[in-house]
Each structure stands twice: as structure tokens, then as C-alpha cells.
Amino acid sequence: MRARSILAGLGFFVLATTLTPHLSGDQGTQSPSPTVMPAAELEWADLDPEGAPGVKIAPLWGDHQKGRFGAFLRLPAGFAAPLHTHTHEIKVVIVSGTYIQAPEGKPEFRLGPGSYFLQPGGNYRHTTSCDKASDCVFFFESEGAFDMHMAAPGKPPAAG
């Protein structure tokens, strides 16, 4: 129930960020119209069944395979991705579960619901996992397509 409340709150955040281009006048004389996506109506799909087993994505805007996007991501409880990088910076807000990240050579950090972090793109090497107690759901957005470059090729993430 708490996760749904948090998702509802994030819905307002998504609404506000979605309206920004409309309110700034980028749309000419069109009147702004909201984008509304109740949590129960999100369309979850496999992110990458072979490369990231069990990970689901619910797109909100844009296309995570082509460029700028915003989406919810769900990692199964116990999911673990080995050391990797992403090309683009990613902004993340945790909705439910305990998300765990360990930057290379530094202690891990654990984030619960309501937490935010900005993950650098480029050569920021890190591991990503979800605590075994429950699935992890988070909102994330990026100015570029989502990708994942493994530091050790041939070592895919493990499902929970």
C-alpha cells in the first residue's frame, strides 16, 4: 500500500516534469494537457530477458532504447549486476525496496523509498543490486539511451 502511495506521489512529479515543455511555450499556441498514468495502469515489459533476467521497465515518456526517457524500473529481490558502466547520466528516485550500489573501490550505499541519487555516466564503474527482502522499484530518467557495459564481458546480471 505504501508503495502505491509513493508511486502516486511520483506520478505528480512525473506530471510536473512532463508539463514543463508545454508551460515554457515550446508548443506554440496549444494549451497544456497533462499526462496521467495511474500505477495500476503502468505497462511493465522485460528490459532485457537475457542480459538482465527478471528486470522490468514501465516507460513513461521517450524511448529508453533511442534517447531521452523517463521510466519506472523493477529489479527482482536479490537481483545483482556485476561491475558495469552506463554511457549517460541517470537520475533515480527509489519508490520501494532497498536499492544497493557499490562504486568501484568504495563502500556500498543502500537507498530506501524516497531516496534520490544522480549516477554519473561515462567511466563510473559500479555494481547494482536489490536487497533480498523485496523487489526494488525506482523512477529513473536520462537524456540519452539506457545501456549497460559490463566491466568483465560475459558476466551477465543474476536474477534474484
C-alpha atoms as a PDB file:
ATOM      1  CA  MET A   1       0.000   0.000   0.000  1.00  0.00           C
ATOM      2  CA  ARG A   2       2.843   2.371   0.876  1.00  0.00           C
ATOM      3  CA  ALA A   3       4.472   1.653  -2.483  1.00  0.00           C
ATOM      4  CA  ARG A   4       1.260   2.701  -4.250  1.00  0.00           C
ATOM      5  CA  SER A   5       1.188   5.953  -2.240  1.00  0.00           C
ATOM      6  CA  ILE A   6       4.767   6.644  -3.196  1.00  0.00           C
ATOM      7  CA  LEU A   7       4.010   5.789  -6.830  1.00  0.00           C
ATOM      8  CA  ALA A   8       1.080   8.215  -6.703  1.00  0.00           C
ATOM      9  CA  GLY A   9       3.372  10.925  -5.327  1.00  0.00           C
ATOM     10  CA  LEU A  10       5.898  10.231  -8.041  1.00  0.00           C
ATOM     11  CA  GLY A  11       3.059  10.474 -10.529  1.00  0.00           C
ATOM     12  CA  PHE A  12       2.663  14.133  -9.590  1.00  0.00           C
ATOM     13  CA  PHE A  13       6.428  14.617 -10.045  1.00  0.00           C
ATOM     14  CA  VAL A  14       6.221  12.974 -13.466  1.00  0.00           C
ATOM     15  CA  LEU A  15       3.235  15.147 -14.330  1.00  0.00           C
ATOM     16  CA  ALA A  16       5.127  18.312 -13.383  1.00  0.00           C
ATOM     17  CA  THR A  17       8.206  17.396 -15.394  1.00  0.00           C
ATOM     18  CA  THR A  18       6.097  16.291 -18.351  1.00  0.00           C
ATOM     19  CA  LEU A  19       4.277  19.627 -18.428  1.00  0.00           C
ATOM     20  CA  THR A  20       7.449  21.734 -18.342  1.00  0.00           C
ATOM     21  CA  PRO A  21       7.903  21.892 -22.152  1.00  0.00           C
ATOM     22  CA  HIS A  22       4.220  22.773 -22.570  1.00  0.00           C
ATOM     23  CA  LEU A  23       4.326  25.553 -19.992  1.00  0.00           C
ATOM     24  CA  SER A  24       7.549  27.065 -21.338  1.00  0.00           C
ATOM     25  CA  GLY A  25       5.860  27.907 -24.621  1.00  0.00           C
ATOM     26  CA  ASP A  26       7.654  25.277 -26.685  1.00  0.00           C
ATOM     27  CA  GLN A  27       4.332  24.026 -28.020  1.00  0.00           C
ATOM     28  CA  GLY A  28       3.212  27.221 -29.766  1.00  0.00           C
ATOM     29  CA  THR A  29      -0.408  28.101 -29.059  1.00  0.00           C
ATOM     30  CA  GLN A  30      -1.504  24.657 -27.892  1.00  0.00           C
ATOM     31  CA  SER A  31      -2.972  24.549 -24.417  1.00  0.00           C
ATOM     32  CA  PRO A  32      -1.136  22.269 -21.996  1.00  0.00           C
ATOM     33  CA  SER A  33      -2.616  18.844 -21.407  1.00  0.00           C
ATOM     34  CA  PRO A  34      -1.496  16.554 -18.596  1.00  0.00           C
ATOM     35  CA  THR A  35      -0.115  13.073 -18.971  1.00  0.00           C
ATOM     36  CA  VAL A  36      -1.665  10.833 -16.310  1.00  0.00           C
ATOM     37  CA  MET A  37      -0.541   7.252 -15.626  1.00  0.00           C
ATOM     38  CA  PRO A  38      -2.070   5.580 -12.564  1.00  0.00           C
ATOM     39  CA  ALA A  39       0.233   2.952 -11.049  1.00  0.00           C
ATOM     40  CA  ALA A  40      -2.277   0.186 -11.768  1.00  0.00           C
ATOM     41  CA  GLU A  41      -2.178   1.039 -15.482  1.00  0.00           C
ATOM     42  CA  LEU A  42       1.597   1.055 -15.980  1.00  0.00           C
ATOM     43  CA  GLU A  43       2.648  -1.329 -18.747  1.00  0.00           C
ATOM     44  CA  TRP A  44       5.576  -3.422 -17.496  1.00  0.00           C
ATOM     45  CA  ALA A  45       7.807  -5.224 -20.013  1.00  0.00           C
ATOM     46  CA  ASP A  46      11.086  -7.129 -19.851  1.00  0.00           C
ATOM     47  CA  LEU A  47      14.063  -4.766 -20.020  1.00  0.00           C
ATOM     48  CA  ASP A  48      16.420  -7.413 -21.425  1.00  0.00           C
ATOM     49  CA  PRO A  49      15.413 -11.053 -20.726  1.00  0.00           C
ATOM     50  CA  GLU A  50      18.889 -12.433 -21.492  1.00  0.00           C
ATOM     51  CA  GLY A  51      21.102  -9.595 -20.252  1.00  0.00           C
ATOM     52  CA  ALA A  52      19.048  -8.614 -17.187  1.00  0.00           C
ATOM     53  CA  PRO A  53      16.760 -11.526 -16.221  1.00  0.00           C
ATOM     54  CA  GLY A  54      13.648 -10.547 -14.275  1.00  0.00           C
ATOM     55  CA  VAL A  55      14.165  -6.776 -14.663  1.00  0.00           C
ATOM     56  CA  LYS A  56      11.009  -4.967 -15.828  1.00  0.00           C
ATOM     57  CA  ILE A  57      10.543  -1.473 -17.243  1.00  0.00           C
ATOM     58  CA  ALA A  58       7.402   0.697 -17.433  1.00  0.00           C
ATOM     59  CA  PRO A  59       8.053   3.571 -19.871  1.00  0.00           C
ATOM     60  CA  LEU A  60       6.545   6.970 -19.078  1.00  0.00           C
ATOM     61  CA  TRP A  61       7.933   9.114 -21.902  1.00  0.00           C
ATOM     62  CA  GLY A  62      10.568   8.872 -24.578  1.00  0.00           C
ATOM     63  CA  ASP A  63      12.248   5.647 -25.657  1.00  0.00           C
ATOM     64  CA  HIS A  64      14.925   4.192 -23.375  1.00  0.00           C
ATOM     65  CA  GLN A  65      16.495   2.421 -26.364  1.00  0.00           C
ATOM     66  CA  LYS A  66      16.864   5.550 -28.503  1.00  0.00           C
ATOM     67  CA  GLY A  67      17.324   8.662 -26.368  1.00  0.00           C
ATOM     68  CA  ARG A  68      15.799  10.876 -23.679  1.00  0.00           C
ATOM     69  CA  PHE A  69      13.349   8.969 -21.476  1.00  0.00           C
ATOM     70  CA  GLY A  70      11.672   8.577 -18.106  1.00  0.00           C
ATOM     71  CA  ALA A  71      10.500   5.213 -16.748  1.00  0.00           C
ATOM     72  CA  PHE A  72       9.967   3.020 -13.726  1.00  0.00           C
ATOM     73  CA  LEU A  73      12.298   0.054 -13.322  1.00  0.00           C
ATOM     74  CA  ARG A  74      11.673  -3.018 -11.159  1.00  0.00           C
ATOM     75  CA  LEU A  75      14.556  -5.229 -10.009  1.00  0.00           C
ATOM     76  CA  PRO A  76      13.582  -8.593  -8.511  1.00  0.00           C
ATOM     77  CA  ALA A  77      14.521  -9.190  -4.872  1.00  0.00           C
ATOM     78  CA  GLY A  78      18.105 -10.440  -4.746  1.00  0.00           C
ATOM     79  CA  PHE A  79      18.980  -9.172  -8.236  1.00  0.00           C
ATOM     80  CA  ALA A  80      22.690  -8.396  -8.698  1.00  0.00           C
ATOM     81  CA  ALA A  81      24.524  -6.802 -11.630  1.00  0.00           C
ATOM     82  CA  PRO A  82      28.325  -7.094 -11.671  1.00  0.00           C
ATOM     83  CA  LEU A  83      30.686  -4.155 -12.208  1.00  0.00           C
ATOM     84  CA  HIS A  84      29.476  -2.032 -15.131  1.00  0.00           C
ATOM     85  CA  THR A  85      29.061   1.479 -16.540  1.00  0.00           C
ATOM     86  CA  HIS A  86      26.404   3.472 -18.407  1.00  0.00           C
ATOM     87  CA  THR A  87      27.078   5.954 -21.203  1.00  0.00           C
ATOM     88  CA  HIS A  88      24.696   8.620 -19.904  1.00  0.00           C
ATOM     89  CA  GLU A  89      23.996  10.197 -16.530  1.00  0.00           C
ATOM     90  CA  ILE A  90      20.921   8.731 -14.804  1.00  0.00           C
ATOM     91  CA  LYS A  91      18.687  10.430 -12.203  1.00  0.00           C
ATOM     92  CA  VAL A  92      16.998   7.980  -9.826  1.00  0.00           C
ATOM     93  CA  VAL A  93      14.254   8.149  -7.151  1.00  0.00           C
ATOM     94  CA  ILE A  94      13.661   4.965  -5.139  1.00  0.00           C
ATOM     95  CA  VAL A  95       9.973   4.017  -4.810  1.00  0.00           C
ATOM     96  CA  SER A  96      10.140   0.709  -2.914  1.00  0.00           C
ATOM     97  CA  GLY A  97      12.630  -1.861  -1.683  1.00  0.00           C
ATOM     98  CA  THR A  98      16.272  -1.307  -0.774  1.00  0.00           C
ATOM     99  CA  TYR A  99      18.484  -0.450  -3.728  1.00  0.00           C
ATOM    100  CA  ILE A 100      22.201  -1.152  -3.257  1.00  0.00           C
ATOM    101  CA  GLN A 101      25.037   0.321  -5.277  1.00  0.00           C
ATOM    102  CA  ALA A 102      28.786  -0.090  -4.770  1.00  0.00           C
ATOM    103  CA  PRO A 103      31.059   2.295  -6.683  1.00  0.00           C
ATOM    104  CA  GLU A 104      34.327   0.597  -7.636  1.00  0.00           C
ATOM    105  CA  GLY A 105      36.791   0.796  -4.735  1.00  0.00           C
ATOM    106  CA  LYS A 106      34.296   2.475  -2.372  1.00  0.00           C
ATOM    107  CA  PRO A 107      31.775   1.255   0.215  1.00  0.00           C
ATOM    108  CA  GLU A 108      28.286   0.375  -0.973  1.00  0.00           C
ATOM    109  CA  PHE A 109      25.363   2.655  -0.273  1.00  0.00           C
ATOM    110  CA  ARG A 110      21.821   1.472   0.427  1.00  0.00           C
ATOM    111  CA  LEU A 111      18.823   3.596  -0.507  1.00  0.00           C
ATOM    112  CA  GLY A 112      15.212   3.138   0.544  1.00  0.00           C
ATOM    113  CA  PRO A 113      11.916   4.686  -0.600  1.00  0.00           C
ATOM    114  CA  GLY A 114      12.045   8.424  -1.241  1.00  0.00           C
ATOM    115  CA  SER A 115      15.833   8.466  -1.728  1.00  0.00           C
ATOM    116  CA  TYR A 116      17.410  10.192  -4.728  1.00  0.00           C
ATOM    117  CA  PHE A 117      20.756   9.890  -6.429  1.00  0.00           C
ATOM    118  CA  LEU A 118      22.386  11.079  -9.605  1.00  0.00           C
ATOM    119  CA  GLN A 119      24.511   8.418 -11.233  1.00  0.00           C
ATOM    120  CA  PRO A 120      27.296   9.756 -13.454  1.00  0.00           C
ATOM    121  CA  GLY A 121      27.647   8.448 -16.975  1.00  0.00           C
ATOM    122  CA  GLY A 122      30.905   7.539 -18.648  1.00  0.00           C
ATOM    123  CA  ASN A 123      33.507   5.636 -16.653  1.00  0.00           C
ATOM    124  CA  TYR A 124      31.668   5.495 -13.296  1.00  0.00           C
ATOM    125  CA  ARG A 125      32.125   1.766 -12.557  1.00  0.00           C
ATOM    126  CA  HIS A 126      29.728   0.259 -10.024  1.00  0.00           C
ATOM    127  CA  THR A 127      27.688  -2.781  -9.075  1.00  0.00           C
ATOM    128  CA  THR A 128      23.918  -2.627  -8.675  1.00  0.00           C
ATOM    129  CA  SER A 129      21.722  -4.906  -6.592  1.00  0.00           C
ATOM    130  CA  CYS A 130      18.405  -5.176  -4.799  1.00  0.00           C
ATOM    131  CA  ASP A 131      18.113  -6.401  -1.222  1.00  0.00           C
ATOM    132  CA  LYS A 132      16.700  -9.919  -0.900  1.00  0.00           C
ATOM    133  CA  ALA A 133      13.787  -8.770   1.299  1.00  0.00           C
ATOM    134  CA  SER A 134      11.667  -7.357  -1.557  1.00  0.00           C
ATOM    135  CA  ASP A 135      11.680  -6.150  -5.158  1.00  0.00           C
ATOM    136  CA  CYS A 136      13.128  -2.693  -5.843  1.00  0.00           C
ATOM    137  CA  VAL A 137      11.118  -0.177  -7.854  1.00  0.00           C
ATOM    138  CA  PHE A 138      12.522   3.173  -8.875  1.00  0.00           C
ATOM    139  CA  PHE A 139      11.813   6.032 -11.223  1.00  0.00           C
ATOM    140  CA  PHE A 140      14.726   6.928 -13.470  1.00  0.00           C
ATOM    141  CA  GLU A 141      15.357   9.340 -16.307  1.00  0.00           C
ATOM    142  CA  SER A 142      18.195  10.165 -18.649  1.00  0.00           C
ATOM    143  CA  GLU A 143      18.973  12.487 -21.536  1.00  0.00           C
ATOM    144  CA  GLY A 144      20.352   9.545 -23.540  1.00  0.00           C
ATOM    145  CA  ALA A 145      19.504   5.935 -24.302  1.00  0.00           C
ATOM    146  CA  PHE A 146      19.874   3.403 -21.486  1.00  0.00           C
ATOM    147  CA  ASP A 147      22.761   0.993 -21.840  1.00  0.00           C
ATOM    148  CA  MET A 148      24.914  -1.215 -19.640  1.00  0.00           C
ATOM    149  CA  HIS A 149      28.572  -2.005 -20.366  1.00  0.00           C
ATOM    150  CA  MET A 150      29.945  -4.889 -18.297  1.00  0.00           C
ATOM    151  CA  ALA A 151      33.477  -4.432 -16.941  1.00  0.00           C
ATOM    152  CA  ALA A 152      34.023  -8.190 -17.332  1.00  0.00           C
ATOM    153  CA  PRO A 153      32.438  -9.310 -20.625  1.00  0.00           C
ATOM    154  CA  GLY A 154      30.389 -12.472 -20.487  1.00  0.00           C
ATOM    155  CA  LYS A 155      29.293 -11.944 -16.882  1.00  0.00           C
ATOM    156  CA  PRO A 156      25.574 -11.020 -17.033  1.00  0.00           C
ATOM    157  CA  PRO A 157      23.470  -9.848 -14.082  1.00  0.00           C
ATOM    158  CA  ALA A 158      21.939 -12.530 -11.867  1.00  0.00           C
ATOM    159  CA  ALA A 159      18.217 -12.776 -11.181  1.00  0.00           C
ATOM    160  CA  GLY A 160      17.077 -12.802  -7.567  1.00  0.00           C
END
